[in-house]
């Protein structure tokens, strides 16, 4: 699925549902990002990972969408892992949200960082 400046893809494996995001997440694209990720997590409810390493820009509406995705996954009994780009990490830090998003899948080998 594509919109201007936003590319969304999903990869489903035996262990994870990975939603890959590339481009910009802003007022024009945040709702599409949120809806796509929530739909894919609901369709494939297994260890959701949001791969945001391809995100070049995110504003408050994008962070709000990410929080909504987390709440949706929580309601399904799932824990969301976010793989942020530097810009996303900076936005999460600025918003005071780095503590609520895991950055490494808990069942990956060598993952010894606290969640």
C-alpha atoms as a PDB file:
ATOM      1  CA  UNK A   1       0.000   0.000   0.000  1.00  0.00           C
ATOM      2  CA  UNK A   2       1.380   3.408  -0.946  1.00  0.00           C
ATOM      3  CA  UNK A   3       0.570   7.021  -0.288  1.00  0.00           C
ATOM      4  CA  UNK A   4       2.721  10.022  -1.048  1.00  0.00           C
ATOM      5  CA  UNK A   5       5.939   9.657   0.940  1.00  0.00           C
ATOM      6  CA  UNK A   6       4.773   6.456   2.705  1.00  0.00           C
ATOM      7  CA  UNK A   7       5.348   2.783   1.895  1.00  0.00           C
ATOM      8  CA  UNK A   8       3.797   0.030   4.040  1.00  0.00           C
ATOM      9  CA  UNK A   9       4.541  -3.701   3.770  1.00  0.00           C
ATOM     10  CA  UNK A  10       3.948  -6.718   5.977  1.00  0.00           C
ATOM     11  CA  UNK A  11       6.055  -9.826   6.450  1.00  0.00           C
ATOM     12  CA  UNK A  12       4.554 -12.734   8.357  1.00  0.00           C
ATOM     13  CA  UNK A  13       6.795 -15.480   9.702  1.00  0.00           C
ATOM     14  CA  UNK A  14       6.174 -18.312  12.139  1.00  0.00           C
ATOM     15  CA  UNK A  15       7.193 -16.058  15.045  1.00  0.00           C
ATOM     16  CA  UNK A  16       6.536 -12.447  14.046  1.00  0.00           C
ATOM     17  CA  UNK A  17       4.277 -10.145  12.093  1.00  0.00           C
ATOM     18  CA  UNK A  18       6.536  -7.353  10.864  1.00  0.00           C
ATOM     19  CA  UNK A  19       5.014  -4.154   9.549  1.00  0.00           C
ATOM     20  CA  UNK A  20       7.666  -2.285   7.564  1.00  0.00           C
ATOM     21  CA  UNK A  21       7.252   1.446   7.226  1.00  0.00           C
ATOM     22  CA  UNK A  22       9.287   3.718   4.964  1.00  0.00           C
ATOM     23  CA  UNK A  23       8.905   7.393   4.224  1.00  0.00           C
ATOM     24  CA  UNK A  24       7.285  10.125   6.277  1.00  0.00           C
ATOM     25  CA  UNK A  25       4.610   9.713   8.941  1.00  0.00           C
ATOM     26  CA  UNK A  26       2.747  12.951   9.385  1.00  0.00           C
ATOM     27  CA  UNK A  27      -0.773  14.351   9.495  1.00  0.00           C
ATOM     28  CA  UNK A  28      -1.450  13.137   5.952  1.00  0.00           C
ATOM     29  CA  UNK A  29      -0.178   9.565   6.413  1.00  0.00           C
ATOM     30  CA  UNK A  30      -0.527   8.723  10.125  1.00  0.00           C
ATOM     31  CA  UNK A  31      -4.080   7.394   9.861  1.00  0.00           C
ATOM     32  CA  UNK A  32      -3.137   5.111   6.971  1.00  0.00           C
ATOM     33  CA  UNK A  33      -0.122   3.838   8.953  1.00  0.00           C
ATOM     34  CA  UNK A  34      -2.255   3.215  12.044  1.00  0.00           C
ATOM     35  CA  UNK A  35      -5.064   1.452  10.195  1.00  0.00           C
ATOM     36  CA  UNK A  36      -2.710  -0.716   8.121  1.00  0.00           C
ATOM     37  CA  UNK A  37      -0.645  -1.810  11.130  1.00  0.00           C
ATOM     38  CA  UNK A  38      -3.711  -2.515  13.284  1.00  0.00           C
ATOM     39  CA  UNK A  39      -5.367  -4.521  10.497  1.00  0.00           C
ATOM     40  CA  UNK A  40      -2.234  -6.606   9.891  1.00  0.00           C
ATOM     41  CA  UNK A  41      -1.666  -7.237  13.617  1.00  0.00           C
ATOM     42  CA  UNK A  42      -5.293  -8.356  13.981  1.00  0.00           C
ATOM     43  CA  UNK A  43      -5.046 -10.598  10.899  1.00  0.00           C
ATOM     44  CA  UNK A  44      -1.727 -12.145  12.014  1.00  0.00           C
ATOM     45  CA  UNK A  45      -1.651 -11.910  15.832  1.00  0.00           C
ATOM     46  CA  UNK A  46       1.877 -13.051  16.629  1.00  0.00           C
ATOM     47  CA  UNK A  47       4.692 -10.967  18.159  1.00  0.00           C
ATOM     48  CA  UNK A  48       4.167  -7.722  16.219  1.00  0.00           C
ATOM     49  CA  UNK A  49       7.251  -5.802  15.125  1.00  0.00           C
ATOM     50  CA  UNK A  50       6.988  -2.311  13.681  1.00  0.00           C
ATOM     51  CA  UNK A  51      10.085  -1.769  11.530  1.00  0.00           C
ATOM     52  CA  UNK A  52      10.451   1.991  11.311  1.00  0.00           C
ATOM     53  CA  UNK A  53      14.091   2.008  10.226  1.00  0.00           C
ATOM     54  CA  UNK A  54      13.018   3.472   6.875  1.00  0.00           C
ATOM     55  CA  UNK A  55      11.146   6.420   8.407  1.00  0.00           C
ATOM     56  CA  UNK A  56      12.782   9.744   7.632  1.00  0.00           C
ATOM     57  CA  UNK A  57      10.277  12.032   9.353  1.00  0.00           C
ATOM     58  CA  UNK A  58       7.658  11.576  12.052  1.00  0.00           C
ATOM     59  CA  UNK A  59       5.527  14.214  13.741  1.00  0.00           C
ATOM     60  CA  UNK A  60       3.165  14.087  16.715  1.00  0.00           C
ATOM     61  CA  UNK A  61       0.390  12.503  14.646  1.00  0.00           C
ATOM     62  CA  UNK A  62       2.782   9.693  13.738  1.00  0.00           C
ATOM     63  CA  UNK A  63       3.713   9.171  17.383  1.00  0.00           C
ATOM     64  CA  UNK A  64       0.011   9.186  18.259  1.00  0.00           C
ATOM     65  CA  UNK A  65      -0.577   6.501  15.612  1.00  0.00           C
ATOM     66  CA  UNK A  66       2.221   4.413  17.106  1.00  0.00           C
ATOM     67  CA  UNK A  67       0.641   4.670  20.559  1.00  0.00           C
ATOM     68  CA  UNK A  68      -2.724   3.630  19.072  1.00  0.00           C
ATOM     69  CA  UNK A  69      -1.058   0.611  17.434  1.00  0.00           C
ATOM     70  CA  UNK A  70       0.448  -0.349  20.787  1.00  0.00           C
ATOM     71  CA  UNK A  71      -2.945  -0.065  22.504  1.00  0.00           C
ATOM     72  CA  UNK A  72      -4.537  -2.190  19.793  1.00  0.00           C
ATOM     73  CA  UNK A  73      -1.893  -4.878  20.237  1.00  0.00           C
ATOM     74  CA  UNK A  74      -2.263  -4.689  24.037  1.00  0.00           C
ATOM     75  CA  UNK A  75      -5.995  -5.354  23.635  1.00  0.00           C
ATOM     76  CA  UNK A  76      -5.071  -8.514  21.705  1.00  0.00           C
ATOM     77  CA  UNK A  77      -2.662  -9.563  24.460  1.00  0.00           C
ATOM     78  CA  UNK A  78       0.416  -8.801  22.345  1.00  0.00           C
ATOM     79  CA  UNK A  79       3.545  -6.787  23.053  1.00  0.00           C
ATOM     80  CA  UNK A  80       4.746  -4.519  20.233  1.00  0.00           C
ATOM     81  CA  UNK A  81       8.435  -4.230  19.385  1.00  0.00           C
ATOM     82  CA  UNK A  82       9.516  -1.072  17.564  1.00  0.00           C
ATOM     83  CA  UNK A  83      12.665  -0.899  15.475  1.00  0.00           C
ATOM     84  CA  UNK A  84      13.056   2.888  15.193  1.00  0.00           C
ATOM     85  CA  UNK A  85      15.085   5.021  12.847  1.00  0.00           C
ATOM     86  CA  UNK A  86      17.150   7.744  14.509  1.00  0.00           C
ATOM     87  CA  UNK A  87      14.404  10.273  13.793  1.00  0.00           C
ATOM     88  CA  UNK A  88      11.727   8.059  15.314  1.00  0.00           C
ATOM     89  CA  UNK A  89      13.916   7.343  18.342  1.00  0.00           C
ATOM     90  CA  UNK A  90      14.447  11.094  18.832  1.00  0.00           C
ATOM     91  CA  UNK A  91      10.697  11.760  18.567  1.00  0.00           C
ATOM     92  CA  UNK A  92       9.901   8.988  21.073  1.00  0.00           C
ATOM     93  CA  UNK A  93      12.518  10.391  23.447  1.00  0.00           C
ATOM     94  CA  UNK A  94      11.151  13.924  23.091  1.00  0.00           C
ATOM     95  CA  UNK A  95       7.641  12.622  23.819  1.00  0.00           C
ATOM     96  CA  UNK A  96       8.891  10.647  26.838  1.00  0.00           C
ATOM     97  CA  UNK A  97       7.783   7.353  25.303  1.00  0.00           C
ATOM     98  CA  UNK A  98      11.021   5.389  24.923  1.00  0.00           C
ATOM     99  CA  UNK A  99      10.243   3.326  28.025  1.00  0.00           C
ATOM    100  CA  UNK A 100       6.917   1.992  26.730  1.00  0.00           C
ATOM    101  CA  UNK A 101       8.259   0.593  23.449  1.00  0.00           C
ATOM    102  CA  UNK A 102      10.533  -2.440  23.359  1.00  0.00           C
ATOM    103  CA  UNK A 103      13.336  -2.079  20.864  1.00  0.00           C
ATOM    104  CA  UNK A 104      14.429  -5.738  20.580  1.00  0.00           C
ATOM    105  CA  UNK A 105      12.207  -8.774  20.144  1.00  0.00           C
ATOM    106  CA  UNK A 106      12.314 -10.626  23.497  1.00  0.00           C
ATOM    107  CA  UNK A 107      12.842 -14.052  21.905  1.00  0.00           C
ATOM    108  CA  UNK A 108      15.736 -13.024  19.637  1.00  0.00           C
ATOM    109  CA  UNK A 109      19.088 -14.588  20.532  1.00  0.00           C
ATOM    110  CA  UNK A 110      21.481 -12.162  22.154  1.00  0.00           C
ATOM    111  CA  UNK A 111      18.757  -9.786  23.216  1.00  0.00           C
ATOM    112  CA  UNK A 112      19.858  -8.936  26.717  1.00  0.00           C
ATOM    113  CA  UNK A 113      18.613  -5.361  26.904  1.00  0.00           C
ATOM    114  CA  UNK A 114      15.734  -4.772  29.318  1.00  0.00           C
ATOM    115  CA  UNK A 115      12.338  -4.291  27.697  1.00  0.00           C
END
